[in-house]
Amino acid sequence: MRSTKGCAVVMGRKTFETLERPLPDRLNIVLSRTLSPDRSDGVAVARDLDEAIRIATDSGLDSPIWIAGGGHIYGLAMDRVDLIVRTLVHTEADGDIKFPEIDEQRWEPTRSEHFSSDQKHAFGMTIEWWVHKPTLSTRTNANSG
């Protein structure tokens, strides 16, 4: 699987707050209307997805931009990305936030890989790669995962 290391990773404030610290070796960009942009931890704060993409593009990183959630941020980005890497963890979990429905009229699966539980992962998982079907309209090239 393609790693997000060395890439820009865009996430919402609530997702960021679930992390113990910013993701290492990545440009962490947090979408928030409440966080201060003056941070000492190297995290960039954007007010909207357009600003986040500008920050990532202006960073000079020669790699894709990854969208790391949560549900609202995924919804904002769905029409702007050309790749979805979705991990399905094989367990039931409490919660009300879900990844947006993938419209199979607009997206096609290109790869699927299953992993069993092991010493590092309590549950098995399936990782799916979906690509946006070609359309006549022009879209922004941003990648998610």
N, C-alpha and C. Protein backbone atom coordinates (compact mmCIF):
# COMPACT_ATOMS: atom_id res chain seq x y z
N MET A 1 0.83 -1.18 0.00
CA MET A 1 0.00 0.00 0.00
C MET A 1 0.88 1.25 0.00
N ARG A 2 0.45 2.25 -0.68
CA ARG A 2 1.17 3.51 -0.76
C ARG A 2 1.14 4.21 0.60
N SER A 3 2.28 4.66 1.05
CA SER A 3 2.37 5.31 2.36
C SER A 3 2.09 6.80 2.25
N THR A 4 1.59 7.37 3.32
CA THR A 4 1.35 8.81 3.36
C THR A 4 2.59 9.56 3.85
N LYS A 5 3.65 8.85 4.23
CA LYS A 5 4.86 9.52 4.70
C LYS A 5 5.42 10.41 3.60
N GLY A 6 5.84 11.61 4.00
CA GLY A 6 6.38 12.57 3.05
C GLY A 6 5.32 13.33 2.28
N CYS A 7 4.07 13.08 2.61
CA CYS A 7 2.94 13.70 1.90
C CYS A 7 2.21 14.69 2.80
N ALA A 8 1.36 15.47 2.19
CA ALA A 8 0.43 16.31 2.94
C ALA A 8 -0.79 15.46 3.30
N VAL A 9 -1.23 15.57 4.55
CA VAL A 9 -2.39 14.83 5.03
C VAL A 9 -3.38 15.84 5.58
N VAL A 10 -4.58 15.88 4.99
CA VAL A 10 -5.62 16.82 5.38
C VAL A 10 -6.64 16.09 6.25
N MET A 11 -6.97 16.70 7.39
CA MET A 11 -7.96 16.08 8.29
C MET A 11 -8.75 17.17 9.00
N GLY A 12 -9.88 16.79 9.51
CA GLY A 12 -10.69 17.71 10.30
C GLY A 12 -10.16 17.83 11.72
N ARG A 13 -10.63 18.84 12.42
CA ARG A 13 -10.20 19.09 13.79
C ARG A 13 -10.48 17.91 14.72
N LYS A 14 -11.68 17.34 14.62
CA LYS A 14 -12.02 16.23 15.52
C LYS A 14 -11.12 15.03 15.27
N THR A 15 -10.82 14.73 14.01
CA THR A 15 -9.90 13.63 13.70
C THR A 15 -8.53 13.93 14.28
N PHE A 16 -8.05 15.17 14.07
CA PHE A 16 -6.74 15.56 14.60
C PHE A 16 -6.69 15.40 16.11
N GLU A 17 -7.76 15.77 16.80
CA GLU A 17 -7.78 15.68 18.26
C GLU A 17 -7.77 14.25 18.78
N THR A 18 -8.06 13.26 17.94
CA THR A 18 -7.99 11.87 18.37
C THR A 18 -6.56 11.35 18.33
N LEU A 19 -5.66 12.08 17.69
CA LEU A 19 -4.26 11.66 17.59
C LEU A 19 -3.50 12.08 18.85
N GLU A 20 -2.52 11.30 19.23
CA GLU A 20 -1.69 11.66 20.38
C GLU A 20 -0.79 12.84 20.05
N ARG A 21 -0.39 12.95 18.78
CA ARG A 21 0.49 14.01 18.31
C ARG A 21 0.32 14.10 16.79
N PRO A 22 0.84 15.16 16.16
CA PRO A 22 0.75 15.21 14.69
C PRO A 22 1.41 13.97 14.08
N LEU A 23 0.89 13.54 12.95
CA LEU A 23 1.46 12.38 12.27
C LEU A 23 2.90 12.71 11.85
N PRO A 24 3.87 11.88 12.22
CA PRO A 24 5.27 12.20 11.91
C PRO A 24 5.57 12.06 10.41
N ASP A 25 6.57 12.81 9.96
CA ASP A 25 7.07 12.73 8.59
C ASP A 25 6.01 13.06 7.55
N ARG A 26 5.07 13.92 7.91
CA ARG A 26 4.00 14.34 7.02
C ARG A 26 3.70 15.82 7.28
N LEU A 27 3.15 16.49 6.29
CA LEU A 27 2.62 17.83 6.50
C LEU A 27 1.18 17.65 6.97
N ASN A 28 0.92 17.89 8.25
CA ASN A 28 -0.42 17.77 8.83
C ASN A 28 -1.16 19.08 8.59
N ILE A 29 -2.29 19.01 7.89
CA ILE A 29 -3.13 20.18 7.64
C ILE A 29 -4.49 19.88 8.26
N VAL A 30 -4.90 20.74 9.18
CA VAL A 30 -6.15 20.53 9.90
C VAL A 30 -7.16 21.59 9.46
N LEU A 31 -8.33 21.13 9.01
CA LEU A 31 -9.42 22.05 8.68
C LEU A 31 -10.15 22.39 9.96
N SER A 32 -10.19 23.69 10.27
CA SER A 32 -10.84 24.11 11.50
C SER A 32 -11.18 25.59 11.43
N ARG A 33 -12.34 25.95 11.97
CA ARG A 33 -12.71 27.35 12.11
C ARG A 33 -12.34 27.88 13.49
N THR A 34 -11.92 26.97 14.41
CA THR A 34 -11.66 27.38 15.78
C THR A 34 -10.19 27.30 16.20
N LEU A 35 -9.41 26.41 15.60
CA LEU A 35 -8.00 26.31 15.99
C LEU A 35 -7.22 27.53 15.51
N SER A 36 -6.26 27.96 16.31
CA SER A 36 -5.40 29.08 15.93
C SER A 36 -4.40 28.61 14.88
N PRO A 37 -4.16 29.42 13.84
CA PRO A 37 -3.15 29.04 12.84
C PRO A 37 -1.73 29.21 13.37
N ASP A 38 -1.56 29.91 14.50
CA ASP A 38 -0.24 30.11 15.10
C ASP A 38 0.06 28.95 16.04
N ARG A 39 0.73 27.92 15.50
CA ARG A 39 0.98 26.71 16.27
C ARG A 39 2.48 26.45 16.33
N SER A 40 2.92 25.88 17.44
CA SER A 40 4.34 25.55 17.60
C SER A 40 4.64 24.10 17.22
N ASP A 41 3.61 23.31 16.88
CA ASP A 41 3.83 21.90 16.59
C ASP A 41 3.99 21.61 15.09
N GLY A 42 4.04 22.66 14.26
CA GLY A 42 4.24 22.46 12.83
C GLY A 42 2.99 22.11 12.06
N VAL A 43 1.85 22.04 12.72
CA VAL A 43 0.59 21.73 12.06
C VAL A 43 0.08 22.99 11.37
N ALA A 44 -0.33 22.84 10.11
CA ALA A 44 -0.94 23.95 9.37
C ALA A 44 -2.44 23.90 9.58
N VAL A 45 -3.05 25.05 9.77
CA VAL A 45 -4.50 25.13 9.97
C VAL A 45 -5.10 25.84 8.76
N ALA A 46 -6.12 25.23 8.16
CA ALA A 46 -6.82 25.81 7.02
C ALA A 46 -8.28 26.00 7.40
N ARG A 47 -8.90 27.01 6.86
CA ARG A 47 -10.31 27.30 7.16
C ARG A 47 -11.25 26.52 6.27
N ASP A 48 -10.78 26.08 5.07
CA ASP A 48 -11.63 25.30 4.16
C ASP A 48 -10.74 24.41 3.30
N LEU A 49 -11.37 23.53 2.52
CA LEU A 49 -10.62 22.56 1.72
C LEU A 49 -9.77 23.24 0.66
N ASP A 50 -10.26 24.31 0.05
CA ASP A 50 -9.45 25.03 -0.94
C ASP A 50 -8.16 25.54 -0.33
N GLU A 51 -8.25 26.12 0.86
CA GLU A 51 -7.04 26.62 1.53
C GLU A 51 -6.10 25.47 1.88
N ALA A 52 -6.64 24.34 2.32
CA ALA A 52 -5.82 23.17 2.65
C ALA A 52 -5.06 22.69 1.42
N ILE A 53 -5.74 22.64 0.28
CA ILE A 53 -5.08 22.20 -0.95
C ILE A 53 -4.00 23.20 -1.36
N ARG A 54 -4.26 24.51 -1.20
CA ARG A 54 -3.23 25.52 -1.49
C ARG A 54 -2.01 25.34 -0.61
N ILE A 55 -2.23 25.12 0.68
CA ILE A 55 -1.12 24.92 1.62
C ILE A 55 -0.31 23.70 1.18
N ALA A 56 -0.99 22.60 0.86
CA ALA A 56 -0.29 21.38 0.44
C ALA A 56 0.49 21.61 -0.85
N THR A 57 -0.13 22.28 -1.81
CA THR A 57 0.52 22.54 -3.10
C THR A 57 1.72 23.46 -2.92
N ASP A 58 1.55 24.50 -2.11
CA ASP A 58 2.64 25.47 -1.89
C ASP A 58 3.78 24.89 -1.05
N SER A 59 3.57 23.74 -0.41
CA SER A 59 4.60 23.15 0.44
C SER A 59 5.79 22.64 -0.35
N GLY A 60 5.58 22.40 -1.64
CA GLY A 60 6.65 21.88 -2.47
C GLY A 60 6.81 20.38 -2.42
N LEU A 61 5.97 19.71 -1.65
CA LEU A 61 6.03 18.25 -1.62
C LEU A 61 5.60 17.70 -2.97
N ASP A 62 6.41 16.83 -3.53
CA ASP A 62 6.09 16.25 -4.83
C ASP A 62 5.41 14.91 -4.61
N SER A 63 4.21 14.95 -4.06
CA SER A 63 3.50 13.72 -3.75
C SER A 63 2.02 14.02 -3.66
N PRO A 64 1.19 12.98 -3.59
CA PRO A 64 -0.26 13.23 -3.52
C PRO A 64 -0.67 13.87 -2.21
N ILE A 65 -1.83 14.47 -2.24
CA ILE A 65 -2.46 15.01 -1.04
C ILE A 65 -3.44 13.94 -0.55
N TRP A 66 -3.32 13.55 0.73
CA TRP A 66 -4.19 12.53 1.29
C TRP A 66 -5.25 13.17 2.17
N ILE A 67 -6.48 12.72 2.05
CA ILE A 67 -7.57 13.16 2.90
C ILE A 67 -7.76 12.08 3.96
N ALA A 68 -7.65 12.46 5.25
CA ALA A 68 -7.64 11.47 6.32
C ALA A 68 -8.87 11.52 7.22
N GLY A 69 -9.91 12.23 6.81
CA GLY A 69 -11.15 12.23 7.57
C GLY A 69 -11.31 13.45 8.44
N GLY A 70 -12.37 13.48 9.15
CA GLY A 70 -13.45 12.56 9.34
C GLY A 70 -14.49 12.59 8.22
N GLY A 71 -15.66 12.12 8.60
CA GLY A 71 -16.75 11.93 7.65
C GLY A 71 -17.11 13.18 6.87
N HIS A 72 -17.19 14.33 7.53
CA HIS A 72 -17.53 15.57 6.85
C HIS A 72 -16.46 15.96 5.84
N ILE A 73 -15.20 15.80 6.21
CA ILE A 73 -14.09 16.15 5.31
C ILE A 73 -14.08 15.21 4.10
N TYR A 74 -14.32 13.93 4.33
CA TYR A 74 -14.42 13.00 3.19
C TYR A 74 -15.53 13.45 2.24
N GLY A 75 -16.67 13.84 2.79
CA GLY A 75 -17.78 14.30 1.97
C GLY A 75 -17.41 15.52 1.14
N LEU A 76 -16.68 16.47 1.75
CA LEU A 76 -16.24 17.66 1.02
C LEU A 76 -15.31 17.32 -0.14
N ALA A 77 -14.50 16.30 0.06
CA ALA A 77 -13.45 15.97 -0.93
C ALA A 77 -13.89 15.00 -2.01
N MET A 78 -14.99 14.29 -1.84
CA MET A 78 -15.35 13.20 -2.77
C MET A 78 -15.38 13.62 -4.24
N ASP A 79 -15.84 14.82 -4.54
CA ASP A 79 -15.90 15.25 -5.94
C ASP A 79 -14.59 15.83 -6.44
N ARG A 80 -13.57 15.85 -5.59
CA ARG A 80 -12.31 16.48 -5.96
C ARG A 80 -11.14 15.50 -6.02
N VAL A 81 -11.37 14.27 -5.67
CA VAL A 81 -10.29 13.29 -5.64
C VAL A 81 -10.39 12.33 -6.82
N ASP A 82 -9.27 11.69 -7.14
CA ASP A 82 -9.29 10.71 -8.23
C ASP A 82 -8.96 9.30 -7.75
N LEU A 83 -8.70 9.14 -6.46
CA LEU A 83 -8.39 7.84 -5.89
C LEU A 83 -8.96 7.76 -4.49
N ILE A 84 -9.58 6.64 -4.18
CA ILE A 84 -10.03 6.34 -2.81
C ILE A 84 -9.30 5.07 -2.39
N VAL A 85 -8.64 5.14 -1.24
CA VAL A 85 -8.08 3.94 -0.61
C VAL A 85 -8.86 3.76 0.67
N ARG A 86 -9.74 2.77 0.68
CA ARG A 86 -10.65 2.55 1.80
C ARG A 86 -10.25 1.28 2.53
N THR A 87 -10.12 1.39 3.85
CA THR A 87 -9.81 0.23 4.69
C THR A 87 -11.08 -0.18 5.42
N LEU A 88 -11.49 -1.40 5.21
CA LEU A 88 -12.65 -1.97 5.90
C LEU A 88 -12.13 -2.88 7.01
N VAL A 89 -12.32 -2.47 8.25
CA VAL A 89 -11.87 -3.27 9.39
C VAL A 89 -12.99 -4.24 9.74
N HIS A 90 -12.66 -5.51 9.87
CA HIS A 90 -13.65 -6.56 10.07
C HIS A 90 -14.03 -6.70 11.55
N THR A 91 -14.84 -5.73 12.00
CA THR A 91 -15.38 -5.74 13.35
C THR A 91 -16.57 -4.80 13.38
N GLU A 92 -17.35 -4.88 14.43
CA GLU A 92 -18.43 -3.93 14.66
C GLU A 92 -17.92 -2.87 15.62
N ALA A 93 -18.21 -1.62 15.33
CA ALA A 93 -17.76 -0.53 16.20
C ALA A 93 -18.90 0.44 16.44
N ASP A 94 -18.92 1.02 17.63
CA ASP A 94 -19.89 2.06 17.93
C ASP A 94 -19.47 3.34 17.23
N GLY A 95 -20.43 4.14 16.87
CA GLY A 95 -20.12 5.43 16.26
C GLY A 95 -21.17 5.79 15.23
N ASP A 96 -21.23 7.08 14.93
CA ASP A 96 -22.23 7.52 13.97
C ASP A 96 -21.61 8.18 12.74
N ILE A 97 -20.29 8.24 12.65
CA ILE A 97 -19.62 8.82 11.50
C ILE A 97 -19.22 7.69 10.56
N LYS A 98 -19.58 7.84 9.31
CA LYS A 98 -19.27 6.82 8.32
C LYS A 98 -18.67 7.46 7.08
N PHE A 99 -17.86 6.69 6.37
CA PHE A 99 -17.32 7.15 5.09
C PHE A 99 -18.50 7.29 4.12
N PRO A 100 -18.49 8.32 3.26
CA PRO A 100 -19.61 8.49 2.33
C PRO A 100 -19.78 7.27 1.42
N GLU A 101 -21.00 7.06 1.00
CA GLU A 101 -21.31 5.96 0.08
C GLU A 101 -20.51 6.17 -1.21
N ILE A 102 -19.91 5.09 -1.72
CA ILE A 102 -19.18 5.17 -2.98
C ILE A 102 -20.16 4.86 -4.10
N ASP A 103 -20.38 5.83 -4.98
CA ASP A 103 -21.29 5.68 -6.11
C ASP A 103 -20.59 4.88 -7.22
N GLU A 104 -21.02 3.64 -7.40
CA GLU A 104 -20.36 2.76 -8.37
C GLU A 104 -20.61 3.19 -9.81
N GLN A 105 -21.50 4.16 -10.04
CA GLN A 105 -21.66 4.74 -11.37
C GLN A 105 -20.50 5.68 -11.67
N ARG A 106 -19.87 6.23 -10.61
CA ARG A 106 -18.79 7.20 -10.77
C ARG A 106 -17.41 6.64 -10.42
N TRP A 107 -17.39 5.56 -9.65
CA TRP A 107 -16.14 4.98 -9.17
C TRP A 107 -16.07 3.51 -9.53
N GLU A 108 -14.85 3.02 -9.79
CA GLU A 108 -14.70 1.59 -10.04
C GLU A 108 -13.56 1.03 -9.20
N PRO A 109 -13.80 -0.15 -8.62
CA PRO A 109 -12.73 -0.78 -7.83
C PRO A 109 -11.64 -1.30 -8.76
N THR A 110 -10.39 -1.10 -8.37
CA THR A 110 -9.28 -1.58 -9.19
C THR A 110 -8.45 -2.63 -8.49
N ARG A 111 -8.57 -2.69 -7.16
CA ARG A 111 -7.75 -3.62 -6.40
C ARG A 111 -8.37 -3.81 -5.02
N SER A 112 -8.20 -4.99 -4.47
CA SER A 112 -8.67 -5.29 -3.13
C SER A 112 -7.70 -6.28 -2.51
N GLU A 113 -7.30 -6.02 -1.27
CA GLU A 113 -6.34 -6.88 -0.62
C GLU A 113 -6.81 -7.17 0.80
N HIS A 114 -6.85 -8.44 1.17
CA HIS A 114 -7.32 -8.84 2.49
C HIS A 114 -6.13 -9.14 3.40
N PHE A 115 -6.23 -8.73 4.66
CA PHE A 115 -5.21 -9.00 5.65
C PHE A 115 -5.89 -9.62 6.88
N SER A 116 -5.34 -10.71 7.38
CA SER A 116 -5.87 -11.35 8.58
C SER A 116 -5.37 -10.61 9.81
N SER A 117 -6.04 -10.83 10.93
CA SER A 117 -5.56 -10.25 12.18
C SER A 117 -4.19 -10.86 12.49
N ASP A 118 -3.39 -10.11 13.22
CA ASP A 118 -2.06 -10.59 13.59
C ASP A 118 -1.66 -9.94 14.92
N GLN A 119 -0.38 -10.03 15.28
CA GLN A 119 0.06 -9.49 16.57
C GLN A 119 -0.10 -7.98 16.65
N LYS A 120 -0.02 -7.27 15.51
CA LYS A 120 -0.15 -5.81 15.50
C LYS A 120 -1.58 -5.35 15.28
N HIS A 121 -2.43 -6.22 14.70
CA HIS A 121 -3.79 -5.83 14.32
C HIS A 121 -4.78 -6.82 14.91
N ALA A 122 -5.62 -6.36 15.81
CA ALA A 122 -6.57 -7.23 16.49
C ALA A 122 -7.64 -7.78 15.55
N PHE A 123 -7.90 -7.05 14.44
CA PHE A 123 -8.95 -7.46 13.51
C PHE A 123 -8.38 -7.54 12.10
N GLY A 124 -8.97 -8.43 11.32
CA GLY A 124 -8.61 -8.49 9.92
C GLY A 124 -9.13 -7.25 9.21
N MET A 125 -8.65 -7.02 8.00
CA MET A 125 -9.09 -5.86 7.23
C MET A 125 -8.97 -6.12 5.75
N THR A 126 -9.73 -5.37 5.00
CA THR A 126 -9.64 -5.38 3.54
C THR A 126 -9.36 -3.96 3.10
N ILE A 127 -8.35 -3.80 2.26
CA ILE A 127 -8.03 -2.48 1.70
C ILE A 127 -8.47 -2.48 0.25
N GLU A 128 -9.27 -1.49 -0.11
CA GLU A 128 -9.81 -1.37 -1.46
C GLU A 128 -9.28 -0.09 -2.12
N TRP A 129 -8.95 -0.20 -3.40
CA TRP A 129 -8.54 0.95 -4.20
C TRP A 129 -9.63 1.20 -5.23
N TRP A 130 -10.14 2.41 -5.28
CA TRP A 130 -11.18 2.81 -6.22
C TRP A 130 -10.66 4.00 -7.03
N VAL A 131 -10.92 4.00 -8.33
CA VAL A 131 -10.54 5.15 -9.16
C VAL A 131 -11.80 5.78 -9.73
N HIS A 132 -11.72 7.08 -9.91
CA HIS A 132 -12.84 7.83 -10.47
C HIS A 132 -12.95 7.50 -11.95
N LYS A 133 -14.13 7.12 -12.40
CA LYS A 133 -14.33 6.84 -13.81
C LYS A 133 -14.19 8.14 -14.59
N PRO A 134 -13.61 8.10 -15.78
CA PRO A 134 -13.44 9.32 -16.57
C PRO A 134 -14.78 9.99 -16.86
N THR A 135 -14.76 11.33 -16.82
CA THR A 135 -15.93 12.11 -17.17
C THR A 135 -15.49 13.22 -18.11
N LEU A 136 -16.43 13.92 -18.67
CA LEU A 136 -16.11 15.02 -19.57
C LEU A 136 -15.76 16.29 -18.80
N SER A 137 -16.12 16.36 -17.53
CA SER A 137 -15.84 17.57 -16.75
C SER A 137 -14.41 17.52 -16.20
N THR A 138 -13.88 18.67 -15.90
CA THR A 138 -12.55 18.78 -15.33
C THR A 138 -12.65 18.79 -13.83
N ARG A 139 -11.75 18.01 -13.16
CA ARG A 139 -11.74 17.95 -11.71
C ARG A 139 -10.36 18.31 -11.19
N THR A 140 -10.29 18.75 -9.96
CA THR A 140 -9.03 19.01 -9.30
C THR A 140 -8.34 17.68 -9.03
N ASN A 141 -7.04 17.62 -9.22
CA ASN A 141 -6.31 16.40 -8.92
C ASN A 141 -5.81 16.42 -7.48
N ALA A 142 -6.54 15.78 -6.62
CA ALA A 142 -6.13 15.59 -5.23
C ALA A 142 -6.41 14.14 -4.91
N ASN A 143 -5.54 13.55 -4.15
CA ASN A 143 -5.71 12.14 -3.78
C ASN A 143 -6.14 12.04 -2.34
N SER A 144 -6.86 10.96 -2.04
CA SER A 144 -7.24 10.73 -0.66
C SER A 144 -6.87 9.32 -0.27
N GLY A 145 -7.05 9.07 1.01
CA GLY A 145 -6.87 7.76 1.48
C GLY A 145 -7.47 7.54 2.72
